[in-house]
N, C-alpha and C. Protein backbone atom coordinates (compact mmCIF):
# COMPACT_ATOMS: atom_id res chain seq x y z
N UNK A 1 15.95 181.72 44.43
CA UNK A 1 16.92 183.01 43.21
C UNK A 1 17.51 182.06 42.89
N UNK A 2 18.32 182.35 41.75
CA UNK A 2 19.65 182.05 40.84
C UNK A 2 20.96 182.81 41.28
N UNK A 3 21.96 182.01 41.47
CA UNK A 3 23.15 182.70 42.03
C UNK A 3 24.15 182.08 41.09
N UNK A 4 24.93 183.63 40.31
CA UNK A 4 25.87 183.24 39.54
C UNK A 4 27.06 183.62 40.00
N UNK A 5 28.03 183.06 39.82
CA UNK A 5 29.25 183.72 39.52
C UNK A 5 29.88 184.78 38.59
N UNK A 6 30.68 185.82 39.33
CA UNK A 6 30.79 187.18 38.26
C UNK A 6 32.47 186.95 38.22
N UNK A 7 32.53 187.40 37.14
CA UNK A 7 33.88 187.66 36.94
C UNK A 7 33.97 188.70 36.27
N UNK A 8 35.04 189.75 37.16
CA UNK A 8 35.52 191.01 36.59
C UNK A 8 35.47 191.41 35.25
N UNK A 9 36.36 190.21 34.35
CA UNK A 9 36.76 190.61 33.15
C UNK A 9 35.61 190.79 32.37
N UNK A 10 34.85 190.09 32.93
CA UNK A 10 33.21 190.07 32.40
C UNK A 10 32.16 191.37 32.62
N UNK A 11 32.95 191.80 33.18
CA UNK A 11 31.25 192.66 33.92
C UNK A 11 31.94 193.77 32.68
N UNK A 12 31.28 194.31 32.06
CA UNK A 12 31.30 195.75 31.65
C UNK A 12 31.98 196.72 31.98
N UNK A 13 32.49 197.21 31.23
CA UNK A 13 33.76 198.71 31.80
C UNK A 13 32.93 199.72 30.93
N UNK A 14 32.55 200.83 31.88
CA UNK A 14 31.50 201.92 31.63
C UNK A 14 32.69 202.70 31.54
N UNK A 15 32.88 203.69 30.28
CA UNK A 15 33.83 204.93 29.98
C UNK A 15 33.12 206.58 30.46
N UNK A 16 33.29 206.51 31.97
CA UNK A 16 32.41 207.59 32.39
C UNK A 16 33.05 209.18 31.77
N UNK A 17 34.35 208.98 31.16
CA UNK A 17 34.97 210.13 31.53
C UNK A 17 36.43 209.54 30.74
N UNK A 18 36.81 210.98 30.13
CA UNK A 18 38.44 210.26 29.70
C UNK A 18 39.53 209.54 30.65
N UNK A 19 39.04 210.16 31.65
CA UNK A 19 39.69 209.73 32.40
C UNK A 19 39.20 209.41 34.16
N UNK A 20 38.23 208.36 33.56
CA UNK A 20 37.57 207.68 34.65
C UNK A 20 37.08 206.30 34.19
N UNK A 21 37.15 205.21 34.22
CA UNK A 21 36.39 203.96 34.22
C UNK A 21 35.80 203.19 35.52
N UNK A 22 34.49 202.81 35.39
CA UNK A 22 34.17 201.71 36.67
C UNK A 22 33.48 200.59 35.47
N UNK A 23 33.48 199.90 36.52
CA UNK A 23 33.35 198.40 36.69
C UNK A 23 31.59 198.01 37.83
N UNK A 24 30.56 197.79 37.23
CA UNK A 24 29.68 198.20 38.80
C UNK A 24 28.73 196.34 38.98
N UNK A 25 29.15 196.19 40.46
CA UNK A 25 28.27 194.37 40.70
C UNK A 25 27.48 194.81 41.89
N UNK A 26 26.16 194.47 41.77
CA UNK A 26 25.26 195.08 42.74
C UNK A 26 23.82 194.19 43.16
N UNK A 27 23.65 194.41 44.24
CA UNK A 27 22.74 193.69 44.39
C UNK A 27 21.39 194.63 45.27
N UNK A 28 21.08 193.79 45.70
CA UNK A 28 19.31 194.87 46.20
C UNK A 28 19.61 195.83 47.48
N UNK A 29 20.60 195.29 48.17
CA UNK A 29 21.20 196.17 49.14
C UNK A 29 22.58 196.83 49.18
N UNK A 30 23.42 196.28 48.48
CA UNK A 30 24.99 196.43 48.47
C UNK A 30 25.21 196.72 46.78
N UNK A 31 26.54 197.49 46.98
CA UNK A 31 27.14 197.82 45.25
C UNK A 31 28.04 197.73 45.63
N UNK A 32 28.92 196.54 44.65
CA UNK A 32 30.82 197.36 44.78
C UNK A 32 31.01 197.45 43.32
N UNK A 33 32.04 198.69 43.20
CA UNK A 33 32.67 199.19 41.90
C UNK A 33 33.79 198.91 41.80
N UNK A 34 34.72 198.80 41.00
CA UNK A 34 35.65 198.58 39.89
C UNK A 34 36.07 199.90 39.25
N UNK A 35 37.05 200.87 40.22
CA UNK A 35 37.55 202.32 39.44
C UNK A 35 38.35 202.22 38.84
N UNK A 36 38.92 203.25 37.83
CA UNK A 36 40.44 203.73 37.32
C UNK A 36 40.40 204.87 37.18
N UNK A 37 41.04 205.56 37.11
CA UNK A 37 41.10 206.72 37.09
C UNK A 37 42.19 207.94 36.90
N UNK A 38 42.85 208.31 35.84
CA UNK A 38 44.28 209.10 35.38
C UNK A 38 44.70 210.20 36.71
N UNK A 39 45.90 210.49 36.02
CA UNK A 39 46.39 210.97 37.65
C UNK A 39 46.23 212.82 37.48
N UNK A 40 45.03 213.15 38.32
CA UNK A 40 45.12 214.62 38.10
C UNK A 40 43.50 214.67 38.44
N UNK A 41 42.74 213.17 38.02
CA UNK A 41 40.98 213.20 38.36
C UNK A 41 40.41 213.86 39.77
N UNK A 42 39.87 214.55 39.38
CA UNK A 42 38.67 215.11 40.63
C UNK A 42 37.77 214.80 40.82
N UNK A 43 37.24 214.44 42.04
CA UNK A 43 35.71 213.77 42.16
C UNK A 43 35.48 215.64 42.97
N UNK A 44 34.07 216.48 42.55
CA UNK A 44 33.92 217.45 43.42
C UNK A 44 33.02 217.34 44.34
N UNK A 45 32.99 218.20 45.41
CA UNK A 45 32.53 218.04 46.47
C UNK A 45 30.89 217.41 46.19
N UNK A 46 30.52 216.64 46.72
CA UNK A 46 29.07 215.78 47.00
C UNK A 46 28.57 215.06 48.19
N UNK A 47 27.77 214.66 48.00
CA UNK A 47 27.43 213.72 48.89
C UNK A 47 25.85 212.84 48.53
N UNK A 48 25.62 212.10 49.58
CA UNK A 48 25.30 211.06 49.54
C UNK A 48 24.41 209.89 50.27
N UNK A 49 23.14 209.58 50.22
CA UNK A 49 23.35 208.79 51.03
C UNK A 49 23.49 207.50 51.63
N UNK A 50 24.13 206.98 50.49
CA UNK A 50 24.86 205.83 50.12
C UNK A 50 25.73 206.14 51.51
N UNK A 51 25.84 204.97 52.71
CA UNK A 51 27.38 203.99 52.96
C UNK A 51 28.40 203.99 52.18
N UNK A 52 29.70 204.12 52.20
CA UNK A 52 30.58 204.46 51.54
C UNK A 52 31.77 203.86 52.08
N UNK A 53 32.97 202.51 51.52
CA UNK A 53 33.93 202.20 51.67
C UNK A 53 34.71 201.92 50.37
N UNK A 54 36.14 203.04 50.48
CA UNK A 54 36.78 203.39 49.45
C UNK A 54 37.79 202.76 49.97
N UNK A 55 38.11 201.88 49.15
CA UNK A 55 39.51 201.31 49.07
C UNK A 55 40.71 201.52 47.74
N UNK A 56 41.99 201.75 48.04
CA UNK A 56 42.56 201.86 47.00
C UNK A 56 43.57 200.91 46.85
N UNK A 57 43.50 200.33 45.37
CA UNK A 57 44.56 198.74 45.10
C UNK A 57 45.78 199.77 44.33
N UNK A 58 45.78 200.64 43.41
CA UNK A 58 46.89 201.24 43.50
C UNK A 58 46.79 202.83 43.15
N UNK A 59 48.17 203.62 43.36
CA UNK A 59 47.86 205.08 43.26
C UNK A 59 47.75 205.55 45.21
N UNK A 60 47.10 207.01 44.97
CA UNK A 60 46.62 207.62 46.23
C UNK A 60 45.44 207.81 46.14
N UNK A 61 44.40 208.74 46.69
CA UNK A 61 43.07 210.15 46.69
C UNK A 61 43.62 210.20 47.94
N UNK A 62 43.73 211.56 47.10
CA UNK A 62 43.61 212.59 48.94
C UNK A 62 41.95 213.23 49.08
N UNK A 63 41.11 212.89 49.83
CA UNK A 63 39.69 213.23 50.08
C UNK A 63 40.02 214.06 50.52
N UNK A 64 38.79 215.32 50.46
CA UNK A 64 38.72 216.46 51.46
C UNK A 64 37.01 216.13 52.06
N UNK A 65 37.07 216.08 53.44
CA UNK A 65 35.40 215.99 53.73
C UNK A 65 34.92 217.29 54.79
N UNK A 66 33.63 217.31 54.61
CA UNK A 66 32.67 218.46 55.02
C UNK A 66 32.27 219.30 54.48
N UNK A 67 31.53 220.25 54.62
CA UNK A 67 31.26 220.84 53.47
C UNK A 67 31.70 222.32 53.49
N UNK A 68 32.58 222.22 54.16
CA UNK A 68 33.91 223.27 53.96
C UNK A 68 36.08 222.76 53.00
N UNK A 69 35.39 221.52 53.25
CA UNK A 69 36.60 220.63 53.29
C UNK A 69 37.48 220.54 54.08
N UNK A 70 36.68 220.67 55.94
CA UNK A 70 37.46 220.53 57.01
C UNK A 70 38.04 220.22 57.16
N UNK A 71 38.18 218.37 56.65
CA UNK A 71 38.65 217.74 57.20
C UNK A 71 39.74 217.33 55.51
N UNK A 72 41.34 216.81 55.07
CA UNK A 72 41.86 215.80 54.50
C UNK A 72 42.51 215.24 55.18
N UNK A 73 42.49 214.39 53.92
CA UNK A 73 43.16 212.74 54.43
C UNK A 73 43.54 211.72 52.77
N UNK A 74 45.03 211.56 53.27
CA UNK A 74 44.68 210.71 51.97
C UNK A 74 45.04 208.95 52.16
N UNK A 75 44.26 208.34 51.10
CA UNK A 75 44.79 206.80 51.50
C UNK A 75 45.12 206.04 50.25
N UNK A 76 45.88 205.72 50.91
CA UNK A 76 46.93 205.22 49.65
C UNK A 76 46.49 203.48 49.65
N UNK A 77 47.52 203.29 48.88
CA UNK A 77 47.37 201.48 48.07
C UNK A 77 47.21 200.66 49.31
N UNK A 78 46.56 199.47 49.64
CA UNK A 78 45.92 198.69 50.34
C UNK A 78 45.14 199.55 51.59
N UNK A 79 44.65 200.44 52.02
CA UNK A 79 44.21 201.25 52.77
C UNK A 79 42.79 201.30 52.06
N UNK A 80 41.40 201.97 53.49
CA UNK A 80 40.07 201.92 52.99
C UNK A 80 40.26 203.17 53.96
N UNK A 81 38.32 204.11 53.53
CA UNK A 81 38.09 204.90 54.74
C UNK A 81 36.96 204.43 54.52
N UNK A 82 35.63 204.65 55.83
CA UNK A 82 34.50 204.71 55.39
C UNK A 82 34.34 206.12 55.66
N UNK A 83 32.78 205.65 54.66
CA UNK A 83 32.10 207.51 54.50
C UNK A 83 31.06 207.31 55.35
N UNK A 84 30.92 208.27 55.82
CA UNK A 84 28.82 208.07 56.30
C UNK A 84 28.25 208.54 55.28
N UNK A 85 26.76 208.01 54.91
CA UNK A 85 25.77 208.29 54.18
C UNK A 85 25.63 210.09 54.56
N UNK A 86 25.76 210.73 53.29
CA UNK A 86 25.28 212.17 53.71
C UNK A 86 26.40 213.38 53.85
N UNK A 87 27.76 212.65 54.32
CA UNK A 87 28.83 213.81 54.32
C UNK A 87 29.10 213.71 52.85
N UNK A 88 29.57 215.39 53.23
CA UNK A 88 29.84 215.84 52.30
C UNK A 88 31.57 215.33 51.77
N UNK A 89 32.37 215.40 50.12
CA UNK A 89 33.19 214.74 50.18
C UNK A 89 33.52 215.29 49.20
N UNK A 90 35.04 215.21 49.27
CA UNK A 90 35.77 215.64 46.87
C UNK A 90 37.04 214.54 47.20
N UNK A 91 37.56 214.34 46.47
CA UNK A 91 38.45 213.86 45.94
C UNK A 91 40.04 214.12 44.63
N UNK A 92 40.80 213.84 44.90
CA UNK A 92 41.84 214.62 44.12
C UNK A 92 42.93 212.69 43.92
N UNK A 93 42.80 212.42 42.36
CA UNK A 93 44.11 211.18 42.16
C UNK A 93 44.80 211.85 41.91
N UNK A 94 46.30 210.67 43.03
CA UNK A 94 47.58 211.39 42.86
C UNK A 94 47.67 209.90 41.92
N UNK A 95 48.28 209.91 41.21
CA UNK A 95 49.67 209.01 40.32
C UNK A 95 47.72 208.36 40.12
N UNK A 96 47.58 207.57 39.38
CA UNK A 96 46.96 206.57 38.03
C UNK A 96 46.39 205.77 39.56
N UNK A 97 45.19 205.74 39.81
CA UNK A 97 44.47 205.12 40.69
C UNK A 97 43.40 203.93 40.29
N UNK A 98 43.71 202.64 40.67
CA UNK A 98 42.79 201.84 40.91
C UNK A 98 41.68 201.57 42.07
N UNK A 99 40.42 201.43 42.52
CA UNK A 99 40.11 201.45 43.46
C UNK A 99 38.77 201.09 43.57
N UNK A 100 38.53 200.60 44.89
CA UNK A 100 37.02 199.04 44.98
C UNK A 100 36.30 199.85 45.63
N UNK A 101 35.37 200.76 44.98
CA UNK A 101 33.99 201.36 46.28
C UNK A 101 32.75 200.70 46.56
N UNK A 102 32.76 200.15 47.79
CA UNK A 102 31.13 200.06 48.43
C UNK A 102 30.09 200.89 48.36
N UNK A 103 28.96 200.64 48.64
CA UNK A 103 28.22 201.67 48.47
C UNK A 103 26.96 201.03 49.01
N UNK A 104 26.34 201.46 50.52
CA UNK A 104 25.06 200.48 50.95
C UNK A 104 23.83 201.79 51.33
N UNK A 105 23.08 201.73 50.55
CA UNK A 105 22.41 200.92 49.35
C UNK A 105 22.79 201.28 48.25
N UNK A 106 23.17 200.46 47.02
CA UNK A 106 23.62 200.71 45.79
C UNK A 106 23.43 201.75 45.29
N UNK A 107 24.39 202.72 44.92
CA UNK A 107 23.95 203.95 44.23
C UNK A 107 23.19 204.32 42.92
N UNK A 108 21.55 204.65 42.82
CA UNK A 108 20.90 204.68 42.06
C UNK A 108 21.43 205.71 40.52
N UNK A 109 21.99 205.96 41.10
CA UNK A 109 22.53 207.35 40.11
C UNK A 109 23.40 207.01 39.12
N UNK A 110 24.19 206.60 39.44
CA UNK A 110 25.19 205.50 38.94
C UNK A 110 24.68 204.43 38.53
N UNK A 111 23.34 203.28 38.60
CA UNK A 111 23.05 202.56 37.30
C UNK A 111 22.12 203.27 36.35
N UNK A 112 21.27 204.41 36.91
CA UNK A 112 20.73 204.41 35.50
C UNK A 112 21.54 206.13 34.76
N UNK A 113 23.11 206.45 35.26
CA UNK A 113 23.63 207.50 34.88
C UNK A 113 22.73 208.59 34.68
N UNK A 114 22.33 208.92 35.89
CA UNK A 114 22.05 210.40 35.95
C UNK A 114 23.39 211.25 37.20
N UNK A 115 24.42 210.95 37.07
CA UNK A 115 25.54 211.47 38.08
C UNK A 115 26.34 212.27 37.20
N UNK A 116 25.96 213.42 36.58
CA UNK A 116 26.16 213.96 36.34
C UNK A 116 27.51 215.09 36.79
N UNK A 117 27.20 214.87 38.43
CA UNK A 117 28.77 215.54 39.02
C UNK A 117 30.48 215.11 38.46
N UNK A 118 29.90 213.84 38.25
CA UNK A 118 31.84 213.08 37.44
C UNK A 118 32.13 213.25 36.20
N UNK A 119 30.69 214.07 35.13
CA UNK A 119 30.91 213.83 34.20
C UNK A 119 31.38 215.04 33.58
N UNK A 120 31.59 215.78 34.24
CA UNK A 120 31.20 217.75 34.14
C UNK A 120 33.19 218.03 33.76
C-alpha cells in the first residue's frame, strides 16, 4: 500500500450548486469532506446509512432531526454533531458556512454524483 500526503489546496473542488462546493478525501472505510455554503442554503430532509460527523469551522448550521424534524439544533463554529446512520436530517446555513463532514462508510452517492437531493 502506498501512502500519500494530501494537501487540501490540491484536492479538486466540486461546484455542487451555485451555493455549495465540496472537496472529498476518502479511503475504503471513511470519507472526510470540506464544504462551503452560502447563507440561506438548505439541505432537504434526507437520510443515509452512513454515520456522519459534522464540524462547523465558520458560520452556523441549523439542523433538524427526525422524520418530522422534531429536534432542532444550531451548530456554531468550533462545534460538532454526530448523526447516526439512517436518522432523517435537514439543515439551513446561517451566514456563509465552512464545514467538515466525516462519513463512515464513504458516501458512494457523493463519489459517483448521484446525490440529486442536494442539486435541486
